[in-house]
Amino acid sequence: MRRVDRLFQIVEIIRSRRITTAKYLSERLELSSRTIYRHILDLQLVGIPINSEPSKGFSMDPSFSMSPISFTDEELEALAFGTRLVQVNADPALAGAALEALTKIRAVLPPPKRRAMEDVNLFPAMAQPIVEDAKNLGLIRKALKNRVFVELFYVDQYGNVTAREVRPLGLSFWGQNWTLAAWCELRCDFRVFRLDRVQSVGISVKHFNKEADKSWEEFLRATNWKGPKIP
């Protein structure tokens, strides 16, 4: 990777997080801590507003941006494929947002990079969309964003139907099915619900505060979940 691309990545990673440690950057970019500190100093010397907090890490005003946008060919492949994957497997609102985001990125790319993105021939398998699942996905996404309880009528693997009130924590896509990780008020424990087994979804007016023992982070720890790295 070119040095300029590494510097751009460092800026974008720090800008997208509240606090970023040198250890995180070192592992993420596969560089030594010494190299990370040298790159940070170089960026600060040319006027990039990176704040350094002793014993904590680096931070930056998220409103800061660097232009023009620079992407490698593989990053463009990932963006194009990811957008197509969302279009096929998410609810209409999220699919439309993904396409709109890609359109904005493409508009600011130089012509050679734009053509490279348009020539990406990576496509997800086309599946027949399930209208009810897509509708439920959209509702649960809004509940996740607003941190409100979700009321489910859920059919378990034995055909039993139960009413559940849950704190939505995260959604995962497994190639054919979406699942909801949640804290279940009925079972007083973490549960994972398949959206294709959800009979109906109701969004409560009740909000919940983040609690350490009922959080996404605790769900990951308690279940030893092996999902993708979250930036």
Protein backbone atom coordinates (compact mmCIF):
# COMPACT_ATOMS: atom_id res chain seq x y z
CA MET A 1 0.00 0.00 0.00
CA ARG A 2 1.28 3.47 -0.85
CA ARG A 3 2.26 5.71 2.06
CA VAL A 4 -0.32 8.33 1.06
CA ASP A 5 -3.06 5.67 1.18
CA ARG A 6 -1.93 4.60 4.67
CA LEU A 7 -2.04 8.20 5.87
CA PHE A 8 -5.52 8.67 4.42
CA GLN A 9 -6.69 5.48 6.14
CA ILE A 10 -5.34 6.65 9.49
CA VAL A 11 -7.24 9.93 9.19
CA GLU A 12 -10.49 8.22 8.20
CA ILE A 13 -10.26 5.63 11.01
CA ILE A 14 -9.55 8.27 13.69
CA ARG A 15 -12.27 10.57 12.31
CA SER A 16 -14.89 7.78 12.43
CA ARG A 17 -14.27 6.80 16.08
CA ARG A 18 -14.59 8.63 19.38
CA ILE A 19 -11.13 7.53 20.51
CA THR A 20 -8.57 5.39 18.67
CA THR A 21 -5.49 3.82 20.23
CA ALA A 22 -2.16 3.28 18.52
CA LYS A 23 -2.59 -0.45 19.24
CA TYR A 24 -5.90 -0.50 17.33
CA LEU A 25 -4.34 1.30 14.35
CA SER A 26 -1.33 -1.00 14.44
CA GLU A 27 -3.50 -4.13 14.33
CA ARG A 28 -5.97 -2.71 11.81
CA LEU A 29 -3.27 -1.55 9.34
CA GLU A 30 -0.70 -4.24 10.17
CA LEU A 31 1.98 -1.66 10.97
CA SER A 32 4.29 -1.31 13.95
CA SER A 33 3.34 1.08 16.73
CA ARG A 34 6.48 3.06 15.96
CA THR A 35 5.33 3.54 12.34
CA ILE A 36 1.85 4.58 13.51
CA TYR A 37 3.27 7.27 15.82
CA ARG A 38 5.53 8.52 13.02
CA HIS A 39 2.59 8.76 10.61
CA ILE A 40 0.48 10.58 13.22
CA LEU A 41 3.26 13.12 13.76
CA ASP A 42 3.62 13.64 9.99
CA LEU A 43 -0.12 14.29 9.70
CA GLN A 44 -0.09 16.75 12.59
CA LEU A 45 2.87 18.60 11.08
CA VAL A 46 0.96 19.25 7.85
CA GLY A 47 -2.05 20.61 9.75
CA ILE A 48 -4.35 17.60 10.16
CA PRO A 49 -6.18 18.30 13.48
CA ILE A 50 -5.47 15.02 15.27
CA ASN A 51 -5.73 15.35 19.06
CA SER A 52 -3.50 13.17 21.22
CA GLU A 53 -4.74 12.28 24.70
CA PRO A 54 -2.09 10.70 26.98
CA SER A 55 -2.98 7.15 28.09
CA LYS A 56 -6.13 7.25 25.94
CA GLY A 57 -5.44 7.64 22.25
CA PHE A 58 -6.20 9.86 19.28
CA SER A 59 -9.35 11.74 18.33
CA MET A 60 -10.55 14.19 15.69
CA ASP A 61 -13.53 16.39 14.95
CA PRO A 62 -15.78 14.13 12.79
CA SER A 63 -16.74 17.11 10.64
CA PHE A 64 -13.18 17.27 9.29
CA SER A 65 -12.83 15.77 5.81
CA MET A 66 -10.13 15.29 3.23
CA SER A 67 -10.69 15.76 -0.49
CA PRO A 68 -10.67 14.32 -2.98
CA ILE A 69 -11.89 10.89 -1.97
CA SER A 70 -9.26 8.24 -2.67
CA PHE A 71 -10.13 4.56 -3.07
CA THR A 72 -8.10 1.56 -4.17
CA ASP A 73 -9.59 -0.72 -6.85
CA GLU A 74 -10.32 -3.40 -4.22
CA GLU A 75 -12.11 -0.86 -2.02
CA LEU A 76 -14.28 0.08 -5.00
CA GLU A 77 -15.02 -3.62 -5.61
CA ALA A 78 -16.06 -3.99 -1.97
CA LEU A 79 -18.34 -0.94 -2.16
CA ALA A 80 -19.99 -2.08 -5.39
CA PHE A 81 -20.50 -5.65 -4.19
CA GLY A 82 -21.67 -4.55 -0.74
CA THR A 83 -24.27 -2.24 -2.27
CA ARG A 84 -25.59 -5.01 -4.52
CA LEU A 85 -25.75 -7.36 -1.54
CA VAL A 86 -27.82 -4.85 0.44
CA GLN A 87 -30.11 -4.22 -2.53
CA VAL A 88 -30.97 -7.91 -2.77
CA ASN A 89 -31.22 -8.80 0.92
CA ALA A 90 -32.34 -5.73 2.90
CA ASP A 91 -35.56 -3.80 3.25
CA PRO A 92 -36.41 -1.25 0.51
CA ALA A 93 -35.38 1.79 2.58
CA LEU A 94 -31.92 0.41 3.35
CA ALA A 95 -31.48 -0.85 -0.22
CA GLY A 96 -32.35 2.59 -1.57
CA ALA A 97 -29.98 4.29 0.88
CA ALA A 98 -27.12 2.01 -0.17
CA LEU A 99 -27.68 2.81 -3.83
CA GLU A 100 -27.88 6.55 -3.10
CA ALA A 101 -24.63 6.43 -1.10
CA LEU A 102 -22.87 4.63 -3.95
CA THR A 103 -24.20 7.18 -6.43
CA LYS A 104 -22.75 10.03 -4.34
CA ILE A 105 -19.37 8.31 -4.14
CA ARG A 106 -19.32 7.60 -7.88
CA ALA A 107 -20.13 11.26 -8.63
CA VAL A 108 -16.91 12.50 -7.00
CA LEU A 109 -14.59 9.81 -8.38
CA PRO A 110 -12.17 10.66 -11.18
CA PRO A 111 -13.23 9.08 -14.53
CA PRO A 112 -10.80 6.10 -14.40
CA LYS A 113 -11.96 5.11 -10.91
CA ARG A 114 -15.61 5.60 -11.91
CA ARG A 115 -15.15 3.23 -14.84
CA ALA A 116 -13.39 0.74 -12.56
CA MET A 117 -16.39 0.73 -10.22
CA GLU A 118 -18.85 0.34 -13.09
CA ASP A 119 -16.87 -2.64 -14.40
CA VAL A 120 -17.03 -4.63 -11.15
CA ASN A 121 -18.52 -8.04 -11.98
CA LEU A 122 -19.24 -9.33 -8.48
CA PHE A 123 -22.88 -10.15 -7.84
CA PRO A 124 -24.80 -11.76 -4.94
CA ALA A 125 -27.11 -14.64 -5.73
CA MET A 126 -30.59 -13.35 -6.52
CA ALA A 127 -33.13 -14.54 -3.99
CA GLN A 128 -36.88 -14.16 -4.02
CA PRO A 129 -37.51 -11.35 -1.49
CA ILE A 130 -39.91 -12.12 1.33
CA VAL A 131 -42.10 -9.03 1.68
CA GLU A 132 -43.05 -9.60 5.32
CA ASP A 133 -39.42 -10.23 6.37
CA ALA A 134 -38.33 -7.03 4.62
CA LYS A 135 -41.11 -5.08 6.36
CA ASN A 136 -40.11 -6.48 9.78
CA LEU A 137 -36.45 -5.74 9.07
CA GLY A 138 -37.24 -2.10 8.40
CA LEU A 139 -39.25 -1.78 11.62
CA ILE A 140 -36.58 -3.44 13.74
CA ARG A 141 -33.84 -1.26 12.22
CA LYS A 142 -35.78 1.82 13.35
CA ALA A 143 -36.19 0.36 16.83
CA LEU A 144 -32.46 -0.30 17.01
CA LYS A 145 -31.69 3.27 16.00
CA ASN A 146 -34.16 4.79 18.46
CA ARG A 147 -33.42 2.28 21.26
CA VAL A 148 -37.04 1.29 21.88
CA PHE A 149 -38.53 -2.05 22.87
CA VAL A 150 -39.86 -4.40 20.20
CA GLU A 151 -42.91 -6.62 20.69
CA LEU A 152 -42.77 -9.92 18.79
CA PHE A 153 -45.09 -12.82 18.20
CA TYR A 154 -42.50 -15.53 17.61
CA VAL A 155 -42.80 -19.14 16.41
CA ASP A 156 -40.08 -21.40 17.83
CA GLN A 157 -38.65 -24.52 16.17
CA TYR A 158 -41.44 -26.65 17.67
CA GLY A 159 -44.24 -24.45 16.35
CA ASN A 160 -45.04 -22.81 19.69
CA VAL A 161 -46.04 -19.14 19.52
CA THR A 162 -45.02 -16.77 22.30
CA ALA A 163 -45.32 -13.03 22.80
CA ARG A 164 -41.97 -11.43 23.53
CA GLU A 165 -40.87 -7.96 24.55
CA VAL A 166 -37.22 -7.52 23.64
CA ARG A 167 -34.44 -4.95 23.60
CA PRO A 168 -33.05 -5.08 20.04
CA LEU A 169 -29.24 -5.21 20.06
CA GLY A 170 -28.13 -6.13 16.56
CA LEU A 171 -29.19 -7.64 13.23
CA SER A 172 -27.20 -10.27 11.33
CA PHE A 173 -27.59 -11.67 7.83
CA TRP A 174 -26.66 -15.33 7.29
CA GLY A 175 -26.94 -15.69 3.53
CA GLN A 176 -30.62 -16.74 3.57
CA ASN A 177 -32.04 -15.45 6.84
CA TRP A 178 -31.81 -12.36 9.01
CA THR A 179 -31.57 -12.80 12.77
CA LEU A 180 -32.16 -10.38 15.62
CA ALA A 181 -29.93 -10.51 18.68
CA ALA A 182 -31.85 -9.17 21.65
CA TRP A 183 -32.33 -9.15 25.39
CA CYS A 184 -35.59 -10.99 26.03
CA GLU A 185 -37.64 -9.61 28.92
CA LEU A 186 -39.63 -12.87 29.14
CA ARG A 187 -36.58 -15.14 29.49
CA CYS A 188 -34.38 -12.55 31.25
CA ASP A 189 -31.53 -13.54 28.98
CA PHE A 190 -30.05 -13.00 25.54
CA ARG A 191 -31.91 -14.60 22.65
CA VAL A 192 -31.50 -14.75 18.87
CA PHE A 193 -34.69 -14.61 16.77
CA ARG A 194 -35.00 -15.60 13.11
CA LEU A 195 -37.00 -13.01 11.23
CA ASP A 196 -38.66 -15.66 9.06
CA ARG A 197 -40.23 -17.08 12.26
CA VAL A 198 -41.61 -13.72 13.39
CA GLN A 199 -45.37 -13.54 12.88
CA SER A 200 -45.68 -9.84 13.68
CA VAL A 201 -43.61 -6.92 14.96
CA GLY A 202 -44.79 -4.04 17.09
CA ILE A 203 -42.67 -1.03 17.98
CA SER A 204 -43.19 0.02 21.58
CA VAL A 205 -43.33 3.62 22.79
CA LYS A 206 -41.04 2.63 25.67
CA HIS A 207 -37.39 3.58 25.38
CA PHE A 208 -34.58 1.76 27.15
CA ASN A 209 -31.20 2.98 28.30
CA LYS A 210 -28.03 1.11 27.50
CA GLU A 211 -27.14 -1.22 30.37
CA ALA A 212 -23.78 -2.99 30.44
CA ASP A 213 -25.22 -6.42 31.29
CA LYS A 214 -27.87 -6.18 28.54
CA SER A 215 -25.76 -4.65 25.77
CA TRP A 216 -24.51 -5.76 22.35
CA GLU A 217 -20.98 -5.96 23.79
CA GLU A 218 -22.13 -8.28 26.58
CA PHE A 219 -24.08 -10.36 24.05
CA LEU A 220 -20.86 -10.83 22.06
CA ARG A 221 -18.94 -11.82 25.17
CA ALA A 222 -21.62 -14.12 26.58
CA THR A 223 -22.30 -15.95 23.32
CA ASN A 224 -18.74 -15.90 21.92
CA TRP A 225 -20.21 -14.55 18.69
CA LYS A 226 -17.82 -14.88 15.74
CA GLY A 227 -19.01 -12.16 13.39
CA PRO A 228 -17.03 -9.68 11.31
CA LYS A 229 -14.87 -7.05 12.94
CA ILE A 230 -16.79 -3.88 13.69
CA PRO A 231 -14.72 -0.74 12.93
